[in-house]
Amino acid sequence: MFFEPPSEQEELTRSPRPGLPAWYAPPSDEMGGVVVSGLALARTPNIAVTLPTIQAFEIGCLMNVDIVMRPHTLSADDFQGRSLSFKDSQ
């Protein structure tokens, strides 16, 4: 082994790793209630942004956002540019 494992004393004096905040992810012990919203947040002739569902938990909520494009109404360059910009933001 290149590095020796830490001694027991070092393990005891090492500070614990910080945990993630509670709002970082849905609670693992709670299922949450699902609401079908069906809201359209934005719409243009070529792109629609919708909020189909919201999952509510005791500490917050999880919202799923869908982005839909009509590729046949855009030029190949516009479609590729918009597709790449959506992938970068996810």
PDB file of N, CA and C in Angstrom:
ATOM      1  N   MET A   1       0.846  -1.179   0.000  1.00  0.00           N
ATOM      2  CA  MET A   1       0.000   0.000   0.000  1.00  0.00           C
ATOM      3  C   MET A   1       0.890   1.242   0.000  1.00  0.00           C
ATOM      4  N   PHE A   2       0.552   2.220  -0.785  1.00  0.00           N
ATOM      5  CA  PHE A   2       1.371   3.431  -0.883  1.00  0.00           C
ATOM      6  C   PHE A   2       1.273   4.271   0.384  1.00  0.00           C
ATOM      7  N   PHE A   3       0.057   4.467   0.880  1.00  0.00           N
ATOM      8  CA  PHE A   3      -0.155   5.219   2.109  1.00  0.00           C
ATOM      9  C   PHE A   3      -0.558   4.250   3.218  1.00  0.00           C
ATOM     10  N   GLU A   4      -0.065   4.508   4.384  1.00  0.00           N
ATOM     11  CA  GLU A   4      -0.468   3.706   5.534  1.00  0.00           C
ATOM     12  C   GLU A   4      -1.853   4.156   5.980  1.00  0.00           C
ATOM     13  N   PRO A   5      -2.699   3.243   6.414  1.00  0.00           N
ATOM     14  CA  PRO A   5      -4.015   3.666   6.908  1.00  0.00           C
ATOM     15  C   PRO A   5      -3.848   4.535   8.148  1.00  0.00           C
ATOM     16  N   PRO A   6      -4.764   5.494   8.363  1.00  0.00           N
ATOM     17  CA  PRO A   6      -4.639   6.366   9.532  1.00  0.00           C
ATOM     18  C   PRO A   6      -4.740   5.569  10.827  1.00  0.00           C
ATOM     19  N   SER A   7      -4.033   6.048  11.823  1.00  0.00           N
ATOM     20  CA  SER A   7      -4.093   5.371  13.116  1.00  0.00           C
ATOM     21  C   SER A   7      -5.459   5.609  13.750  1.00  0.00           C
ATOM     22  N   GLU A   8      -5.751   4.823  14.756  1.00  0.00           N
ATOM     23  CA  GLU A   8      -7.035   4.949  15.445  1.00  0.00           C
ATOM     24  C   GLU A   8      -7.177   6.330  16.089  1.00  0.00           C
ATOM     25  N   GLN A   9      -6.081   6.859  16.599  1.00  0.00           N
ATOM     26  CA  GLN A   9      -6.096   8.193  17.223  1.00  0.00           C
ATOM     27  C   GLN A   9      -6.425   9.267  16.184  1.00  0.00           C
ATOM     28  N   GLU A  10      -5.848   9.146  14.990  1.00  0.00           N
ATOM     29  CA  GLU A  10      -6.137  10.115  13.926  1.00  0.00           C
ATOM     30  C   GLU A  10      -7.615  10.060  13.528  1.00  0.00           C
ATOM     31  N   GLU A  11      -8.157   8.875  13.464  1.00  0.00           N
ATOM     32  CA  GLU A  11      -9.568   8.716  13.122  1.00  0.00           C
ATOM     33  C   GLU A  11     -10.467   9.405  14.137  1.00  0.00           C
ATOM     34  N   LEU A  12     -10.118   9.329  15.415  1.00  0.00           N
ATOM     35  CA  LEU A  12     -10.929   9.930  16.468  1.00  0.00           C
ATOM     36  C   LEU A  12     -10.839  11.444  16.454  1.00  0.00           C
ATOM     37  N   THR A  13      -9.698  12.009  16.081  1.00  0.00           N
ATOM     38  CA  THR A  13      -9.528  13.464  16.106  1.00  0.00           C
ATOM     39  C   THR A  13      -9.991  14.133  14.823  1.00  0.00           C
ATOM     40  N   ARG A  14     -10.200  13.354  13.776  1.00  0.00           N
ATOM     41  CA  ARG A  14     -10.632  13.928  12.501  1.00  0.00           C
ATOM     42  C   ARG A  14     -12.080  14.393  12.615  1.00  0.00           C
ATOM     43  N   SER A  15     -12.351  15.583  12.120  1.00  0.00           N
ATOM     44  CA  SER A  15     -13.729  16.092  12.183  1.00  0.00           C
ATOM     45  C   SER A  15     -14.601  15.323  11.186  1.00  0.00           C
ATOM     46  N   PRO A  16     -15.869  15.125  11.517  1.00  0.00           N
ATOM     47  CA  PRO A  16     -16.748  14.384  10.608  1.00  0.00           C
ATOM     48  C   PRO A  16     -17.007  15.167   9.330  1.00  0.00           C
ATOM     49  N   ARG A  17     -17.290  14.444   8.271  1.00  0.00           N
ATOM     50  CA  ARG A  17     -17.606  15.103   7.000  1.00  0.00           C
ATOM     51  C   ARG A  17     -18.942  15.822   7.132  1.00  0.00           C
ATOM     52  N   PRO A  18     -19.015  17.002   6.560  1.00  0.00           N
ATOM     53  CA  PRO A  18     -20.300  17.708   6.644  1.00  0.00           C
ATOM     54  C   PRO A  18     -21.348  16.985   5.801  1.00  0.00           C
ATOM     55  N   GLY A  19     -22.559  16.951   6.307  1.00  0.00           N
ATOM     56  CA  GLY A  19     -23.657  16.315   5.584  1.00  0.00           C
ATOM     57  C   GLY A  19     -24.318  17.305   4.635  1.00  0.00           C
ATOM     58  N   LEU A  20     -25.153  16.796   3.789  1.00  0.00           N
ATOM     59  CA  LEU A  20     -25.897  17.645   2.877  1.00  0.00           C
ATOM     60  C   LEU A  20     -27.061  18.294   3.611  1.00  0.00           C
ATOM     61  N   PRO A  21     -27.456  19.503   3.223  1.00  0.00           N
ATOM     62  CA  PRO A  21     -28.617  20.122   3.867  1.00  0.00           C
ATOM     63  C   PRO A  21     -29.891  19.331   3.571  1.00  0.00           C
ATOM     64  N   ALA A  22     -30.870  19.452   4.428  1.00  0.00           N
ATOM     65  CA  ALA A  22     -32.119  18.681   4.297  1.00  0.00           C
ATOM     66  C   ALA A  22     -32.836  18.975   2.984  1.00  0.00           C
ATOM     67  N   TRP A  23     -32.717  20.192   2.469  1.00  0.00           N
ATOM     68  CA  TRP A  23     -33.443  20.565   1.262  1.00  0.00           C
ATOM     69  C   TRP A  23     -32.740  20.083  -0.011  1.00  0.00           C
ATOM     70  N   TYR A  24     -31.563  19.478   0.094  1.00  0.00           N
ATOM     71  CA  TYR A  24     -30.785  19.079  -1.082  1.00  0.00           C
ATOM     72  C   TYR A  24     -31.496  18.011  -1.920  1.00  0.00           C
ATOM     73  N   ALA A  25     -32.209  17.124  -1.272  1.00  0.00           N
ATOM     74  CA  ALA A  25     -32.891  16.034  -1.971  1.00  0.00           C
ATOM     75  C   ALA A  25     -34.149  15.667  -1.204  1.00  0.00           C
ATOM     76  N   PRO A  26     -35.077  14.990  -1.849  1.00  0.00           N
ATOM     77  CA  PRO A  26     -36.275  14.546  -1.130  1.00  0.00           C
ATOM     78  C   PRO A  26     -35.894  13.631   0.024  1.00  0.00           C
ATOM     79  N   PRO A  27     -36.649  13.668   1.112  1.00  0.00           N
ATOM     80  CA  PRO A  27     -36.346  12.787   2.242  1.00  0.00           C
ATOM     81  C   PRO A  27     -36.456  11.315   1.833  1.00  0.00           C
ATOM     82  N   SER A  28     -35.536  10.506   2.327  1.00  0.00           N
ATOM     83  CA  SER A  28     -35.547   9.085   1.955  1.00  0.00           C
ATOM     84  C   SER A  28     -36.643   8.306   2.675  1.00  0.00           C
ATOM     85  N   ASP A  29     -37.178   8.867   3.761  1.00  0.00           N
ATOM     86  CA  ASP A  29     -38.191   8.152   4.531  1.00  0.00           C
ATOM     87  C   ASP A  29     -39.600   8.710   4.338  1.00  0.00           C
ATOM     88  N   GLU A  30     -39.787   9.539   3.309  1.00  0.00           N
ATOM     89  CA  GLU A  30     -41.099  10.150   3.068  1.00  0.00           C
ATOM     90  C   GLU A  30     -41.430  10.051   1.583  1.00  0.00           C
ATOM     91  N   MET A  31     -42.645   9.635   1.272  1.00  0.00           N
ATOM     92  CA  MET A  31     -43.037   9.472  -0.115  1.00  0.00           C
ATOM     93  C   MET A  31     -43.511  10.785  -0.747  1.00  0.00           C
ATOM     94  N   GLY A  32     -44.144  11.619   0.014  1.00  0.00           N
ATOM     95  CA  GLY A  32     -44.637  12.885  -0.510  1.00  0.00           C
ATOM     96  C   GLY A  32     -45.947  12.729  -1.254  1.00  0.00           C
ATOM     97  N   GLY A  33     -46.649  13.826  -1.380  1.00  0.00           N
ATOM     98  CA  GLY A  33     -47.911  13.828  -2.113  1.00  0.00           C
ATOM     99  C   GLY A  33     -47.705  14.420  -3.489  1.00  0.00           C
ATOM    100  N   VAL A  34     -48.294  13.817  -4.503  1.00  0.00           N
ATOM    101  CA  VAL A  34     -48.117  14.264  -5.878  1.00  0.00           C
ATOM    102  C   VAL A  34     -49.353  15.024  -6.337  1.00  0.00           C
ATOM    103  N   VAL A  35     -49.115  16.177  -6.943  1.00  0.00           N
ATOM    104  CA  VAL A  35     -50.195  16.988  -7.504  1.00  0.00           C
ATOM    105  C   VAL A  35     -49.934  17.121  -8.999  1.00  0.00           C
ATOM    106  N   VAL A  36     -50.915  16.815  -9.805  1.00  0.00           N
ATOM    107  CA  VAL A  36     -50.794  17.001 -11.247  1.00  0.00           C
ATOM    108  C   VAL A  36     -51.199  18.434 -11.549  1.00  0.00           C
ATOM    109  N   SER A  37     -50.239  19.227 -11.991  1.00  0.00           N
ATOM    110  CA  SER A  37     -50.548  20.639 -12.207  1.00  0.00           C
ATOM    111  C   SER A  37     -50.922  20.920 -13.658  1.00  0.00           C
ATOM    112  N   GLY A  38     -50.205  20.319 -14.596  1.00  0.00           N
ATOM    113  CA  GLY A  38     -50.500  20.550 -16.008  1.00  0.00           C
ATOM    114  C   GLY A  38     -50.303  21.991 -16.441  1.00  0.00           C
ATOM    115  N   LEU A  39     -49.488  22.756 -15.720  1.00  0.00           N
ATOM    116  CA  LEU A  39     -49.280  24.163 -16.048  1.00  0.00           C
ATOM    117  C   LEU A  39     -48.320  24.341 -17.208  1.00  0.00           C
ATOM    118  N   ALA A  40     -48.627  25.280 -18.092  1.00  0.00           N
ATOM    119  CA  ALA A  40     -47.694  25.695 -19.135  1.00  0.00           C
ATOM    120  C   ALA A  40     -47.024  26.970 -18.636  1.00  0.00           C
ATOM    121  N   LEU A  41     -45.732  26.901 -18.362  1.00  0.00           N
ATOM    122  CA  LEU A  41     -45.017  28.062 -17.835  1.00  0.00           C
ATOM    123  C   LEU A  41     -44.663  29.055 -18.926  1.00  0.00           C
ATOM    124  N   ALA A  42     -44.354  28.547 -20.111  1.00  0.00           N
ATOM    125  CA  ALA A  42     -44.022  29.413 -21.248  1.00  0.00           C
ATOM    126  C   ALA A  42     -44.322  28.653 -22.528  1.00  0.00           C
ATOM    127  N   ARG A  43     -44.725  29.403 -23.538  1.00  0.00           N
ATOM    128  CA  ARG A  43     -45.021  28.765 -24.819  1.00  0.00           C
ATOM    129  C   ARG A  43     -44.729  29.738 -25.948  1.00  0.00           C
ATOM    130  N   THR A  44     -44.008  29.251 -26.936  1.00  0.00           N
ATOM    131  CA  THR A  44     -43.776  29.985 -28.175  1.00  0.00           C
ATOM    132  C   THR A  44     -44.222  29.067 -29.307  1.00  0.00           C
ATOM    133  N   PRO A  45     -44.191  29.524 -30.536  1.00  0.00           N
ATOM    134  CA  PRO A  45     -44.573  28.611 -31.629  1.00  0.00           C
ATOM    135  C   PRO A  45     -43.667  27.382 -31.734  1.00  0.00           C
ATOM    136  N   ASN A  46     -42.430  27.459 -31.199  1.00  0.00           N
ATOM    137  CA  ASN A  46     -41.479  26.356 -31.345  1.00  0.00           C
ATOM    138  C   ASN A  46     -41.163  25.608 -30.060  1.00  0.00           C
ATOM    139  N   ILE A  47     -41.350  26.238 -28.907  1.00  0.00           N
ATOM    140  CA  ILE A  47     -40.931  25.648 -27.636  1.00  0.00           C
ATOM    141  C   ILE A  47     -42.029  25.820 -26.593  1.00  0.00           C
ATOM    142  N   ALA A  48     -42.208  24.795 -25.758  1.00  0.00           N
ATOM    143  CA  ALA A  48     -43.132  24.888 -24.621  1.00  0.00           C
ATOM    144  C   ALA A  48     -42.405  24.408 -23.364  1.00  0.00           C
ATOM    145  N   VAL A  49     -42.603  25.121 -22.261  1.00  0.00           N
ATOM    146  CA  VAL A  49     -42.046  24.743 -20.962  1.00  0.00           C
ATOM    147  C   VAL A  49     -43.234  24.481 -20.048  1.00  0.00           C
ATOM    148  N   THR A  50     -43.325  23.254 -19.540  1.00  0.00           N
ATOM    149  CA  THR A  50     -44.478  22.874 -18.725  1.00  0.00           C
ATOM    150  C   THR A  50     -44.038  22.356 -17.362  1.00  0.00           C
ATOM    151  N   LEU A  51     -44.959  22.407 -16.427  1.00  0.00           N
ATOM    152  CA  LEU A  51     -44.766  21.887 -15.072  1.00  0.00           C
ATOM    153  C   LEU A  51     -45.842  20.824 -14.854  1.00  0.00           C
ATOM    154  N   PRO A  52     -45.563  19.568 -15.274  1.00  0.00           N
ATOM    155  CA  PRO A  52     -46.619  18.552 -15.208  1.00  0.00           C
ATOM    156  C   PRO A  52     -46.962  18.096 -13.801  1.00  0.00           C
ATOM    157  N   THR A  53     -45.969  17.950 -12.922  1.00  0.00           N
ATOM    158  CA  THR A  53     -46.248  17.447 -11.572  1.00  0.00           C
ATOM    159  C   THR A  53     -45.424  18.189 -10.519  1.00  0.00           C
ATOM    160  N   ILE A  54     -45.984  18.205  -9.323  1.00  0.00           N
ATOM    161  CA  ILE A  54     -45.292  18.741  -8.147  1.00  0.00           C
ATOM    162  C   ILE A  54     -45.427  17.686  -7.057  1.00  0.00           C
ATOM    163  N   GLN A  55     -44.307  17.329  -6.446  1.00  0.00           N
ATOM    164  CA  GLN A  55     -44.320  16.361  -5.348  1.00  0.00           C
ATOM    165  C   GLN A  55     -43.986  17.116  -4.067  1.00  0.00           C
ATOM    166  N   ALA A  56     -44.934  17.145  -3.132  1.00  0.00           N
ATOM    167  CA  ALA A  56     -44.785  17.923  -1.899  1.00  0.00           C
ATOM    168  C   ALA A  56     -44.313  17.047  -0.750  1.00  0.00           C
ATOM    169  N   PHE A  57     -43.335  17.567   0.002  1.00  0.00           N
ATOM    170  CA  PHE A  57     -42.802  16.901   1.186  1.00  0.00           C
ATOM    171  C   PHE A  57     -42.946  17.836   2.374  1.00  0.00           C
ATOM    172  N   GLU A  58     -42.688  17.328   3.541  1.00  0.00           N
ATOM    173  CA  GLU A  58     -42.786  18.134   4.752  1.00  0.00           C
ATOM    174  C   GLU A  58     -41.803  19.313   4.720  1.00  0.00           C
ATOM    175  N   ILE A  59     -40.628  19.105   4.103  1.00  0.00           N
ATOM    176  CA  ILE A  59     -39.603  20.156   4.103  1.00  0.00           C
ATOM    177  C   ILE A  59     -39.563  20.980   2.820  1.00  0.00           C
ATOM    178  N   GLY A  60     -40.358  20.631   1.819  1.00  0.00           N
ATOM    179  CA  GLY A  60     -40.328  21.379   0.559  1.00  0.00           C
ATOM    180  C   GLY A  60     -41.021  20.609  -0.537  1.00  0.00           C
ATOM    181  N   CYS A  61     -40.681  20.927  -1.776  1.00  0.00           N
ATOM    182  CA  CYS A  61     -41.323  20.249  -2.892  1.00  0.00           C
ATOM    183  C   CYS A  61     -40.325  19.993  -4.019  1.00  0.00           C
ATOM    184  N   LEU A  62     -40.663  19.038  -4.857  1.00  0.00           N
ATOM    185  CA  LEU A  62     -39.877  18.667  -6.019  1.00  0.00           C
ATOM    186  C   LEU A  62     -40.744  18.950  -7.236  1.00  0.00           C
ATOM    187  N   MET A  63     -40.244  19.793  -8.142  1.00  0.00           N
ATOM    188  CA  MET A  63     -41.014  20.155  -9.324  1.00  0.00           C
ATOM    189  C   MET A  63     -40.313  19.629 -10.571  1.00  0.00           C
ATOM    190  N   ASN A  64     -41.050  18.909 -11.401  1.00  0.00           N
ATOM    191  CA  ASN A  64     -40.525  18.407 -12.665  1.00  0.00           C
ATOM    192  C   ASN A  64     -40.900  19.385 -13.764  1.00  0.00           C
ATOM    193  N   VAL A  65     -39.912  19.801 -14.530  1.00  0.00           N
ATOM    194  CA  VAL A  65     -40.143  20.741 -15.626  1.00  0.00           C
ATOM    195  C   VAL A  65     -39.812  20.032 -16.934  1.00  0.00           C
ATOM    196  N   ASP A  66     -40.703  20.117 -17.902  1.00  0.00           N
ATOM    197  CA  ASP A  66     -40.484  19.537 -19.227  1.00  0.00           C
ATOM    198  C   ASP A  66     -40.297  20.657 -20.241  1.00  0.00           C
ATOM    199  N   ILE A  67     -39.337  20.468 -21.136  1.00  0.00           N
ATOM    200  CA  ILE A  67     -39.108  21.400 -22.242  1.00  0.00           C
ATOM    201  C   ILE A  67     -39.315  20.617 -23.531  1.00  0.00           C
ATOM    202  N   VAL A  68     -40.230  21.078 -24.354  1.00  0.00           N
ATOM    203  CA  VAL A  68     -40.579  20.380 -25.585  1.00  0.00           C
ATOM    204  C   VAL A  68     -40.365  21.318 -26.758  1.00  0.00           C
ATOM    205  N   MET A  69     -39.722  20.793 -27.828  1.00  0.00           N
ATOM    206  CA  MET A  69     -39.490  21.604 -29.029  1.00  0.00           C
ATOM    207  C   MET A  69     -40.146  20.955 -30.244  1.00  0.00           C
ATOM    208  N   ARG A  70     -40.507  21.785 -31.186  1.00  0.00           N
ATOM    209  CA  ARG A  70     -41.004  21.312 -32.482  1.00  0.00           C
ATOM    210  C   ARG A  70     -39.849  21.458 -33.477  1.00  0.00           C
ATOM    211  N   PRO A  71     -39.124  20.399 -33.733  1.00  0.00           N
ATOM    212  CA  PRO A  71     -37.935  20.532 -34.573  1.00  0.00           C
ATOM    213  C   PRO A  71     -38.237  20.871 -36.032  1.00  0.00           C
ATOM    214  N   HIS A  72     -39.379  20.439 -36.543  1.00  0.00           N
ATOM    215  CA  HIS A  72     -39.667  20.664 -37.961  1.00  0.00           C
ATOM    216  C   HIS A  72     -39.962  22.133 -38.281  1.00  0.00           C
ATOM    217  N   THR A  73     -40.185  22.967 -37.284  1.00  0.00           N
ATOM    218  CA  THR A  73     -40.451  24.381 -37.534  1.00  0.00           C
ATOM    219  C   THR A  73     -39.195  25.238 -37.404  1.00  0.00           C
ATOM    220  N   LEU A  74     -38.055  24.614 -37.022  1.00  0.00           N
ATOM    221  CA  LEU A  74     -36.804  25.335 -36.857  1.00  0.00           C
ATOM    222  C   LEU A  74     -35.805  24.900 -37.920  1.00  0.00           C
ATOM    223  N   SER A  75     -34.870  25.805 -38.248  1.00  0.00           N
ATOM    224  CA  SER A  75     -33.787  25.391 -39.139  1.00  0.00           C
ATOM    225  C   SER A  75     -32.897  24.413 -38.386  1.00  0.00           C
ATOM    226  N   ALA A  76     -32.089  23.660 -39.100  1.00  0.00           N
ATOM    227  CA  ALA A  76     -31.215  22.663 -38.471  1.00  0.00           C
ATOM    228  C   ALA A  76     -30.260  23.323 -37.471  1.00  0.00           C
ATOM    229  N   ASP A  77     -29.716  24.500 -37.820  1.00  0.00           N
ATOM    230  CA  ASP A  77     -28.791  25.198 -36.916  1.00  0.00           C
ATOM    231  C   ASP A  77     -29.500  25.684 -35.656  1.00  0.00           C
ATOM    232  N   ASP A  78     -30.694  26.262 -35.805  1.00  0.00           N
ATOM    233  CA  ASP A  78     -31.453  26.733 -34.632  1.00  0.00           C
ATOM    234  C   ASP A  78     -31.828  25.575 -33.718  1.00  0.00           C
ATOM    235  N   PHE A  79     -32.269  24.457 -34.321  1.00  0.00           N
ATOM    236  CA  PHE A  79     -32.640  23.296 -33.514  1.00  0.00           C
ATOM    237  C   PHE A  79     -31.442  22.765 -32.738  1.00  0.00           C
ATOM    238  N   GLN A  80     -30.299  22.637 -33.407  1.00  0.00           N
ATOM    239  CA  GLN A  80     -29.107  22.119 -32.737  1.00  0.00           C
ATOM    240  C   GLN A  80     -28.651  23.076 -31.632  1.00  0.00           C
ATOM    241  N   GLY A  81     -28.666  24.366 -31.887  1.00  0.00           N
ATOM    242  CA  GLY A  81     -28.256  25.342 -30.878  1.00  0.00           C
ATOM    243  C   GLY A  81     -29.148  25.314 -29.649  1.00  0.00           C
ATOM    244  N   ARG A  82     -30.439  25.242 -29.866  1.00  0.00           N
ATOM    245  CA  ARG A  82     -31.369  25.199 -28.727  1.00  0.00           C
ATOM    246  C   ARG A  82     -31.261  23.875 -27.986  1.00  0.00           C
ATOM    247  N   SER A  83     -31.096  22.775 -28.716  1.00  0.00           N
ATOM    248  CA  SER A  83     -30.957  21.471 -28.062  1.00  0.00           C
ATOM    249  C   SER A  83     -29.733  21.451 -27.167  1.00  0.00           C
ATOM    250  N   LEU A  84     -28.627  21.974 -27.645  1.00  0.00           N
ATOM    251  CA  LEU A  84     -27.398  21.991 -26.850  1.00  0.00           C
ATOM    252  C   LEU A  84     -27.531  22.897 -25.641  1.00  0.00           C
ATOM    253  N   SER A  85     -28.240  24.018 -25.767  1.00  0.00           N
ATOM    254  CA  SER A  85     -28.387  24.922 -24.632  1.00  0.00           C
ATOM    255  C   SER A  85     -29.267  24.283 -23.558  1.00  0.00           C
ATOM    256  N   PHE A  86     -30.259  23.482 -23.930  1.00  0.00           N
ATOM    257  CA  PHE A  86     -31.090  22.803 -22.941  1.00  0.00           C
ATOM    258  C   PHE A  86     -30.289  21.727 -22.209  1.00  0.00           C
ATOM    259  N   LYS A  87     -29.445  20.999 -22.925  1.00  0.00           N
ATOM    260  CA  LYS A  87     -28.643  19.941 -22.309  1.00  0.00           C
ATOM    261  C   LYS A  87     -27.648  20.524 -21.303  1.00  0.00           C
ATOM    262  N   ASP A  88     -27.085  21.709 -21.608  1.00  0.00           N
ATOM    263  CA  ASP A  88     -26.117  22.342 -20.699  1.00  0.00           C
ATOM    264  C   ASP A  88     -26.771  22.789 -19.398  1.00  0.00           C
ATOM    265  N   SER A  89     -28.047  23.143 -19.449  1.00  0.00           N
ATOM    266  CA  SER A  89     -28.707  23.672 -18.259  1.00  0.00           C
ATOM    267  C   SER A  89     -29.243  22.581 -17.330  1.00  0.00           C
ATOM    268  N   GLN A  90     -29.184  21.327 -17.743  1.00  0.00           N
ATOM    269  CA  GLN A  90     -29.737  20.254 -16.907  1.00  0.00           C
ATOM    270  C   GLN A  90     -28.748  19.765 -15.901  1.00  0.00           C
TER     271      GLN A  90
END
